[in-house]
Amino acid sequence: MHCPALAVEPEVILFDEPCSAIDPIATAKIEDLIHKLKQDYTVVIVTHNMQQAARVSDFTAFMMLGELVEFERHREDFYKPGQ
């Protein structure tokens, strides 16, 4: 039997693919929640959805084969990494 754990006062909240396989309305609600939470917490989101990353991120890390390729503040030219 698994026993769930709940962090009472976390410093960081990790979302791992929070919107995979859900509809656009539910996705929008989760993204709204992320925007609210990041006012008081450090929020880390792991996603393969580049559009979602662009909508919710302040900083973006690109990884390839387990290596950090790029990390920087979110830019307007989000779809042109390394420039």
PDB file of N, CA and C in Angstrom:
ATOM      1  N   MET A   1       0.836  -1.181   0.000  1.00  0.00           N
ATOM      2  CA  MET A   1       0.000   0.000   0.000  1.00  0.00           C
ATOM      3  C   MET A   1       0.880   1.244   0.000  1.00  0.00           C
ATOM      4  N   HIS A   2       0.526   2.195  -0.863  1.00  0.00           N
ATOM      5  CA  HIS A   2       1.281   3.447  -0.949  1.00  0.00           C
ATOM      6  C   HIS A   2       0.684   4.470   0.001  1.00  0.00           C
ATOM      7  N   CYS A   3       1.557   5.234   0.605  1.00  0.00           N
ATOM      8  CA  CYS A   3       1.123   6.280   1.528  1.00  0.00           C
ATOM      9  C   CYS A   3       1.487   7.632   0.909  1.00  0.00           C
ATOM     10  N   PRO A   4       0.503   8.435   0.504  1.00  0.00           N
ATOM     11  CA  PRO A   4       0.810   9.733  -0.097  1.00  0.00           C
ATOM     12  C   PRO A   4       1.399  10.689   0.931  1.00  0.00           C
ATOM     13  N   ALA A   5       2.207  11.623   0.441  1.00  0.00           N
ATOM     14  CA  ALA A   5       2.814  12.637   1.303  1.00  0.00           C
ATOM     15  C   ALA A   5       2.349  14.010   0.841  1.00  0.00           C
ATOM     16  N   LEU A   6       2.254  14.924   1.766  1.00  0.00           N
ATOM     17  CA  LEU A   6       1.842  16.282   1.462  1.00  0.00           C
ATOM     18  C   LEU A   6       2.827  17.245   2.119  1.00  0.00           C
ATOM     19  N   ALA A   7       3.458  18.099   1.309  1.00  0.00           N
ATOM     20  CA  ALA A   7       4.362  19.110   1.848  1.00  0.00           C
ATOM     21  C   ALA A   7       3.517  20.280   2.345  1.00  0.00           C
ATOM     22  N   VAL A   8       3.677  20.629   3.602  1.00  0.00           N
ATOM     23  CA  VAL A   8       2.839  21.659   4.206  1.00  0.00           C
ATOM     24  C   VAL A   8       3.259  23.061   3.780  1.00  0.00           C
ATOM     25  N   GLU A   9       4.552  23.357   3.755  1.00  0.00           N
ATOM     26  CA  GLU A   9       5.042  24.671   3.355  1.00  0.00           C
ATOM     27  C   GLU A   9       6.175  24.513   2.348  1.00  0.00           C
ATOM     28  N   PRO A  10       5.854  24.109   1.113  1.00  0.00           N
ATOM     29  CA  PRO A  10       6.924  23.865   0.137  1.00  0.00           C
ATOM     30  C   PRO A  10       7.539  25.170  -0.366  1.00  0.00           C
ATOM     31  N   GLU A  11       8.797  25.109  -0.758  1.00  0.00           N
ATOM     32  CA  GLU A  11       9.443  26.236  -1.421  1.00  0.00           C
ATOM     33  C   GLU A  11       9.304  26.109  -2.934  1.00  0.00           C
ATOM     34  N   VAL A  12       9.230  24.861  -3.400  1.00  0.00           N
ATOM     35  CA  VAL A  12       9.165  24.576  -4.831  1.00  0.00           C
ATOM     36  C   VAL A  12       8.010  23.619  -5.090  1.00  0.00           C
ATOM     37  N   ILE A  13       7.264  23.877  -6.171  1.00  0.00           N
ATOM     38  CA  ILE A  13       6.202  22.974  -6.600  1.00  0.00           C
ATOM     39  C   ILE A  13       6.584  22.463  -7.985  1.00  0.00           C
ATOM     40  N   LEU A  14       6.616  21.158  -8.155  1.00  0.00           N
ATOM     41  CA  LEU A  14       6.993  20.534  -9.421  1.00  0.00           C
ATOM     42  C   LEU A  14       5.764  19.977 -10.115  1.00  0.00           C
ATOM     43  N   PHE A  15       5.558  20.406 -11.350  1.00  0.00           N
ATOM     44  CA  PHE A  15       4.500  19.867 -12.196  1.00  0.00           C
ATOM     45  C   PHE A  15       5.179  19.057 -13.295  1.00  0.00           C
ATOM     46  N   ASP A  16       4.906  17.780 -13.366  1.00  0.00           N
ATOM     47  CA  ASP A  16       5.472  16.922 -14.399  1.00  0.00           C
ATOM     48  C   ASP A  16       4.377  16.599 -15.409  1.00  0.00           C
ATOM     49  N   GLU A  17       4.447  17.225 -16.572  1.00  0.00           N
ATOM     50  CA  GLU A  17       3.438  17.055 -17.629  1.00  0.00           C
ATOM     51  C   GLU A  17       2.015  17.223 -17.076  1.00  0.00           C
ATOM     52  N   PRO A  18       1.709  18.367 -16.446  1.00  0.00           N
ATOM     53  CA  PRO A  18       0.414  18.524 -15.776  1.00  0.00           C
ATOM     54  C   PRO A  18      -0.789  18.542 -16.709  1.00  0.00           C
ATOM     55  N   CYS A  19      -0.566  18.800 -17.979  1.00  0.00           N
ATOM     56  CA  CYS A  19      -1.704  18.941 -18.892  1.00  0.00           C
ATOM     57  C   CYS A  19      -1.714  17.897 -20.000  1.00  0.00           C
ATOM     58  N   SER A  20      -0.955  16.833 -19.818  1.00  0.00           N
ATOM     59  CA  SER A  20      -0.961  15.813 -20.869  1.00  0.00           C
ATOM     60  C   SER A  20      -2.300  15.086 -20.870  1.00  0.00           C
ATOM     61  N   ALA A  21      -2.840  14.893 -22.038  1.00  0.00           N
ATOM     62  CA  ALA A  21      -4.081  14.135 -22.244  1.00  0.00           C
ATOM     63  C   ALA A  21      -5.312  14.755 -21.586  1.00  0.00           C
ATOM     64  N   ILE A  22      -5.341  16.108 -21.489  1.00  0.00           N
ATOM     65  CA  ILE A  22      -6.560  16.754 -21.002  1.00  0.00           C
ATOM     66  C   ILE A  22      -7.011  17.798 -22.011  1.00  0.00           C
ATOM     67  N   ASP A  23      -8.239  18.228 -21.885  1.00  0.00           N
ATOM     68  CA  ASP A  23      -8.839  19.137 -22.852  1.00  0.00           C
ATOM     69  C   ASP A  23      -8.342  20.582 -22.653  1.00  0.00           C
ATOM     70  N   PRO A  24      -8.528  21.441 -23.653  1.00  0.00           N
ATOM     71  CA  PRO A  24      -8.050  22.833 -23.572  1.00  0.00           C
ATOM     72  C   PRO A  24      -8.632  23.640 -22.417  1.00  0.00           C
ATOM     73  N   ILE A  25      -9.863  23.399 -22.030  1.00  0.00           N
ATOM     74  CA  ILE A  25     -10.460  24.143 -20.910  1.00  0.00           C
ATOM     75  C   ILE A  25      -9.766  23.786 -19.601  1.00  0.00           C
ATOM     76  N   ALA A  26      -9.546  22.500 -19.368  1.00  0.00           N
ATOM     77  CA  ALA A  26      -8.835  22.066 -18.159  1.00  0.00           C
ATOM     78  C   ALA A  26      -7.387  22.555 -18.187  1.00  0.00           C
ATOM     79  N   THR A  27      -6.759  22.543 -19.360  1.00  0.00           N
ATOM     80  CA  THR A  27      -5.392  23.051 -19.496  1.00  0.00           C
ATOM     81  C   THR A  27      -5.326  24.519 -19.097  1.00  0.00           C
ATOM     82  N   ALA A  28      -6.270  25.309 -19.558  1.00  0.00           N
ATOM     83  CA  ALA A  28      -6.297  26.734 -19.214  1.00  0.00           C
ATOM     84  C   ALA A  28      -6.444  26.938 -17.710  1.00  0.00           C
ATOM     85  N   LYS A  29      -7.249  26.123 -17.065  1.00  0.00           N
ATOM     86  CA  LYS A  29      -7.423  26.237 -15.611  1.00  0.00           C
ATOM     87  C   LYS A  29      -6.137  25.896 -14.877  1.00  0.00           C
ATOM     88  N   ILE A  30      -5.438  24.879 -15.336  1.00  0.00           N
ATOM     89  CA  ILE A  30      -4.165  24.514 -14.700  1.00  0.00           C
ATOM     90  C   ILE A  30      -3.139  25.610 -14.923  1.00  0.00           C
ATOM     91  N   GLU A  31      -3.087  26.175 -16.119  1.00  0.00           N
ATOM     92  CA  GLU A  31      -2.151  27.263 -16.387  1.00  0.00           C
ATOM     93  C   GLU A  31      -2.476  28.494 -15.552  1.00  0.00           C
ATOM     94  N   ASP A  32      -3.736  28.791 -15.350  1.00  0.00           N
ATOM     95  CA  ASP A  32      -4.125  29.888 -14.450  1.00  0.00           C
ATOM     96  C   ASP A  32      -3.638  29.613 -13.035  1.00  0.00           C
ATOM     97  N   LEU A  33      -3.789  28.370 -12.590  1.00  0.00           N
ATOM     98  CA  LEU A  33      -3.301  27.990 -11.263  1.00  0.00           C
ATOM     99  C   LEU A  33      -1.790  28.181 -11.157  1.00  0.00           C
ATOM    100  N   ILE A  34      -1.059  27.784 -12.192  1.00  0.00           N
ATOM    101  CA  ILE A  34       0.403  27.955 -12.187  1.00  0.00           C
ATOM    102  C   ILE A  34       0.756  29.430 -12.066  1.00  0.00           C
ATOM    103  N   HIS A  35       0.061  30.303 -12.797  1.00  0.00           N
ATOM    104  CA  HIS A  35       0.333  31.745 -12.711  1.00  0.00           C
ATOM    105  C   HIS A  35       0.076  32.269 -11.301  1.00  0.00           C
ATOM    106  N   LYS A  36      -0.953  31.798 -10.645  1.00  0.00           N
ATOM    107  CA  LYS A  36      -1.244  32.225  -9.272  1.00  0.00           C
ATOM    108  C   LYS A  36      -0.197  31.686  -8.302  1.00  0.00           C
ATOM    109  N   LEU A  37       0.163  30.416  -8.451  1.00  0.00           N
ATOM    110  CA  LEU A  37       1.119  29.805  -7.530  1.00  0.00           C
ATOM    111  C   LEU A  37       2.502  30.430  -7.627  1.00  0.00           C
ATOM    112  N   LYS A  38       2.903  30.844  -8.819  1.00  0.00           N
ATOM    113  CA  LYS A  38       4.263  31.363  -8.962  1.00  0.00           C
ATOM    114  C   LYS A  38       4.435  32.751  -8.339  1.00  0.00           C
ATOM    115  N   GLN A  39       3.355  33.342  -7.859  1.00  0.00           N
ATOM    116  CA  GLN A  39       3.480  34.587  -7.104  1.00  0.00           C
ATOM    117  C   GLN A  39       4.079  34.320  -5.720  1.00  0.00           C
ATOM    118  N   ASP A  40       3.856  33.107  -5.172  1.00  0.00           N
ATOM    119  CA  ASP A  40       4.312  32.781  -3.826  1.00  0.00           C
ATOM    120  C   ASP A  40       5.311  31.622  -3.761  1.00  0.00           C
ATOM    121  N   TYR A  41       5.448  30.875  -4.848  1.00  0.00           N
ATOM    122  CA  TYR A  41       6.300  29.691  -4.857  1.00  0.00           C
ATOM    123  C   TYR A  41       7.160  29.669  -6.111  1.00  0.00           C
ATOM    124  N   THR A  42       8.249  28.936  -6.023  1.00  0.00           N
ATOM    125  CA  THR A  42       9.001  28.601  -7.221  1.00  0.00           C
ATOM    126  C   THR A  42       8.284  27.423  -7.851  1.00  0.00           C
ATOM    127  N   VAL A  43       7.889  27.573  -9.103  1.00  0.00           N
ATOM    128  CA  VAL A  43       7.159  26.525  -9.813  1.00  0.00           C
ATOM    129  C   VAL A  43       8.054  25.998 -10.930  1.00  0.00           C
ATOM    130  N   VAL A  44       8.239  24.699 -10.953  1.00  0.00           N
ATOM    131  CA  VAL A  44       8.992  24.042 -12.015  1.00  0.00           C
ATOM    132  C   VAL A  44       8.006  23.188 -12.790  1.00  0.00           C
ATOM    133  N   ILE A  45       7.974  23.378 -14.101  1.00  0.00           N
ATOM    134  CA  ILE A  45       7.080  22.591 -14.934  1.00  0.00           C
ATOM    135  C   ILE A  45       7.904  21.850 -15.979  1.00  0.00           C
ATOM    136  N   VAL A  46       7.690  20.563 -16.072  1.00  0.00           N
ATOM    137  CA  VAL A  46       8.315  19.730 -17.097  1.00  0.00           C
ATOM    138  C   VAL A  46       7.255  19.481 -18.151  1.00  0.00           C
ATOM    139  N   THR A  47       7.560  19.872 -19.391  1.00  0.00           N
ATOM    140  CA  THR A  47       6.575  19.695 -20.454  1.00  0.00           C
ATOM    141  C   THR A  47       7.267  19.507 -21.788  1.00  0.00           C
ATOM    142  N   HIS A  48       6.622  18.775 -22.669  1.00  0.00           N
ATOM    143  CA  HIS A  48       7.073  18.665 -24.053  1.00  0.00           C
ATOM    144  C   HIS A  48       6.325  19.672 -24.923  1.00  0.00           C
ATOM    145  N   ASN A  49       5.364  20.361 -24.343  1.00  0.00           N
ATOM    146  CA  ASN A  49       4.531  21.297 -25.072  1.00  0.00           C
ATOM    147  C   ASN A  49       5.195  22.678 -25.052  1.00  0.00           C
ATOM    148  N   MET A  50       5.843  23.037 -26.154  1.00  0.00           N
ATOM    149  CA  MET A  50       6.574  24.298 -26.223  1.00  0.00           C
ATOM    150  C   MET A  50       5.647  25.513 -26.091  1.00  0.00           C
ATOM    151  N   GLN A  51       4.432  25.404 -26.631  1.00  0.00           N
ATOM    152  CA  GLN A  51       3.495  26.521 -26.513  1.00  0.00           C
ATOM    153  C   GLN A  51       3.115  26.749 -25.056  1.00  0.00           C
ATOM    154  N   GLN A  52       2.912  25.663 -24.321  1.00  0.00           N
ATOM    155  CA  GLN A  52       2.582  25.806 -22.910  1.00  0.00           C
ATOM    156  C   GLN A  52       3.762  26.394 -22.142  1.00  0.00           C
ATOM    157  N   ALA A  53       4.949  25.935 -22.432  1.00  0.00           N
ATOM    158  CA  ALA A  53       6.139  26.483 -21.769  1.00  0.00           C
ATOM    159  C   ALA A  53       6.246  27.984 -22.032  1.00  0.00           C
ATOM    160  N   ALA A  54       5.967  28.400 -23.250  1.00  0.00           N
ATOM    161  CA  ALA A  54       6.023  29.822 -23.582  1.00  0.00           C
ATOM    162  C   ALA A  54       4.965  30.615 -22.821  1.00  0.00           C
ATOM    163  N   ARG A  55       3.803  30.024 -22.599  1.00  0.00           N
ATOM    164  CA  ARG A  55       2.722  30.729 -21.898  1.00  0.00           C
ATOM    165  C   ARG A  55       2.983  30.892 -20.406  1.00  0.00           C
ATOM    166  N   VAL A  56       3.617  29.927 -19.765  1.00  0.00           N
ATOM    167  CA  VAL A  56       3.696  29.951 -18.298  1.00  0.00           C
ATOM    168  C   VAL A  56       5.081  30.236 -17.733  1.00  0.00           C
ATOM    169  N   SER A  57       6.114  30.263 -18.565  1.00  0.00           N
ATOM    170  CA  SER A  57       7.468  30.333 -18.005  1.00  0.00           C
ATOM    171  C   SER A  57       8.010  31.747 -17.860  1.00  0.00           C
ATOM    172  N   ASP A  58       8.839  31.917 -16.850  1.00  0.00           N
ATOM    173  CA  ASP A  58       9.662  33.113 -16.684  1.00  0.00           C
ATOM    174  C   ASP A  58      11.101  32.798 -17.089  1.00  0.00           C
ATOM    175  N   PHE A  59      11.522  31.585 -16.820  1.00  0.00           N
ATOM    176  CA  PHE A  59      12.825  31.067 -17.221  1.00  0.00           C
ATOM    177  C   PHE A  59      12.586  29.749 -17.940  1.00  0.00           C
ATOM    178  N   THR A  60      13.483  29.420 -18.864  1.00  0.00           N
ATOM    179  CA  THR A  60      13.329  28.189 -19.615  1.00  0.00           C
ATOM    180  C   THR A  60      14.659  27.458 -19.668  1.00  0.00           C
ATOM    181  N   ALA A  61      14.592  26.155 -19.447  1.00  0.00           N
ATOM    182  CA  ALA A  61      15.772  25.303 -19.589  1.00  0.00           C
ATOM    183  C   ALA A  61      15.499  24.316 -20.709  1.00  0.00           C
ATOM    184  N   PHE A  62      16.442  24.192 -21.618  1.00  0.00           N
ATOM    185  CA  PHE A  62      16.358  23.198 -22.676  1.00  0.00           C
ATOM    186  C   PHE A  62      17.328  22.080 -22.338  1.00  0.00           C
ATOM    187  N   MET A  63      16.836  20.857 -22.399  1.00  0.00           N
ATOM    188  CA  MET A  63      17.682  19.700 -22.105  1.00  0.00           C
ATOM    189  C   MET A  63      17.650  18.744 -23.287  1.00  0.00           C
ATOM    190  N   MET A  64      18.785  18.076 -23.521  1.00  0.00           N
ATOM    191  CA  MET A  64      18.850  17.068 -24.568  1.00  0.00           C
ATOM    192  C   MET A  64      19.708  15.918 -24.060  1.00  0.00           C
ATOM    193  N   LEU A  65      19.137  14.728 -24.107  1.00  0.00           N
ATOM    194  CA  LEU A  65      19.833  13.516 -23.659  1.00  0.00           C
ATOM    195  C   LEU A  65      20.352  13.662 -22.235  1.00  0.00           C
ATOM    196  N   GLY A  66      19.556  14.300 -21.382  1.00  0.00           N
ATOM    197  CA  GLY A  66      19.900  14.438 -19.979  1.00  0.00           C
ATOM    198  C   GLY A  66      20.892  15.543 -19.668  1.00  0.00           C
ATOM    199  N   GLU A  67      21.287  16.305 -20.662  1.00  0.00           N
ATOM    200  CA  GLU A  67      22.247  17.401 -20.467  1.00  0.00           C
ATOM    201  C   GLU A  67      21.545  18.738 -20.609  1.00  0.00           C
ATOM    202  N   LEU A  68      21.905  19.686 -19.751  1.00  0.00           N
ATOM    203  CA  LEU A  68      21.377  21.039 -19.844  1.00  0.00           C
ATOM    204  C   LEU A  68      22.055  21.742 -21.009  1.00  0.00           C
ATOM    205  N   VAL A  69      21.278  22.125 -22.011  1.00  0.00           N
ATOM    206  CA  VAL A  69      21.808  22.769 -23.211  1.00  0.00           C
ATOM    207  C   VAL A  69      21.748  24.281 -23.077  1.00  0.00           C
ATOM    208  N   GLU A  70      20.661  24.777 -22.503  1.00  0.00           N
ATOM    209  CA  GLU A  70      20.464  26.220 -22.416  1.00  0.00           C
ATOM    210  C   GLU A  70      19.542  26.531 -21.246  1.00  0.00           C
ATOM    211  N   PHE A  71      19.843  27.612 -20.530  1.00  0.00           N
ATOM    212  CA  PHE A  71      18.982  28.084 -19.448  1.00  0.00           C
ATOM    213  C   PHE A  71      19.026  29.599 -19.466  1.00  0.00           C
ATOM    214  N   GLU A  72      17.879  30.221 -19.560  1.00  0.00           N
ATOM    215  CA  GLU A  72      17.838  31.682 -19.548  1.00  0.00           C
ATOM    216  C   GLU A  72      16.434  32.199 -19.291  1.00  0.00           C
ATOM    217  N   ARG A  73      16.363  33.505 -19.073  1.00  0.00           N
ATOM    218  CA  ARG A  73      15.066  34.167 -18.880  1.00  0.00           C
ATOM    219  C   ARG A  73      14.259  34.007 -20.152  1.00  0.00           C
ATOM    220  N   HIS A  74      12.966  33.812 -19.993  1.00  0.00           N
ATOM    221  CA  HIS A  74      12.070  33.668 -21.140  1.00  0.00           C
ATOM    222  C   HIS A  74      12.163  34.898 -22.017  1.00  0.00           C
ATOM    223  N   ARG A  75      12.225  34.667 -23.315  1.00  0.00           N
ATOM    224  CA  ARG A  75      12.351  35.776 -24.270  1.00  0.00           C
ATOM    225  C   ARG A  75      11.173  35.772 -25.226  1.00  0.00           C
ATOM    226  N   GLU A  76      11.013  36.884 -25.905  1.00  0.00           N
ATOM    227  CA  GLU A  76       9.980  36.953 -26.935  1.00  0.00           C
ATOM    228  C   GLU A  76      10.285  36.000 -28.079  1.00  0.00           C
ATOM    229  N   ASP A  77      11.570  35.825 -28.377  1.00  0.00           N
ATOM    230  CA  ASP A  77      11.947  34.904 -29.453  1.00  0.00           C
ATOM    231  C   ASP A  77      12.141  33.486 -28.898  1.00  0.00           C
ATOM    232  N   PHE A  78      11.170  33.041 -28.142  1.00  0.00           N
ATOM    233  CA  PHE A  78      11.212  31.749 -27.460  1.00  0.00           C
ATOM    234  C   PHE A  78      11.512  30.596 -28.404  1.00  0.00           C
ATOM    235  N   TYR A  79      11.065  30.694 -29.617  1.00  0.00           N
ATOM    236  CA  TYR A  79      11.220  29.590 -30.558  1.00  0.00           C
ATOM    237  C   TYR A  79      12.533  29.645 -31.324  1.00  0.00           C
ATOM    238  N   LYS A  80      13.449  30.512 -30.896  1.00  0.00           N
ATOM    239  CA  LYS A  80      14.767  30.610 -31.526  1.00  0.00           C
ATOM    240  C   LYS A  80      15.839  30.472 -30.445  1.00  0.00           C
ATOM    241  N   PRO A  81      15.961  29.316 -29.802  1.00  0.00           N
ATOM    242  CA  PRO A  81      16.951  29.146 -28.734  1.00  0.00           C
ATOM    243  C   PRO A  81      18.369  29.329 -29.238  1.00  0.00           C
ATOM    244  N   GLY A  82      19.221  29.855 -28.361  1.00  0.00           N
ATOM    245  CA  GLY A  82      20.624  30.008 -28.671  1.00  0.00           C
ATOM    246  C   GLY A  82      20.958  31.242 -29.479  1.00  0.00           C
ATOM    247  N   GLN A  83      19.993  32.120 -29.702  1.00  0.00           N
ATOM    248  CA  GLN A  83      20.272  33.331 -30.485  1.00  0.00           C
ATOM    249  C   GLN A  83      20.267  34.539 -29.592  1.00  0.00           C
TER     250      GLN A  83
END
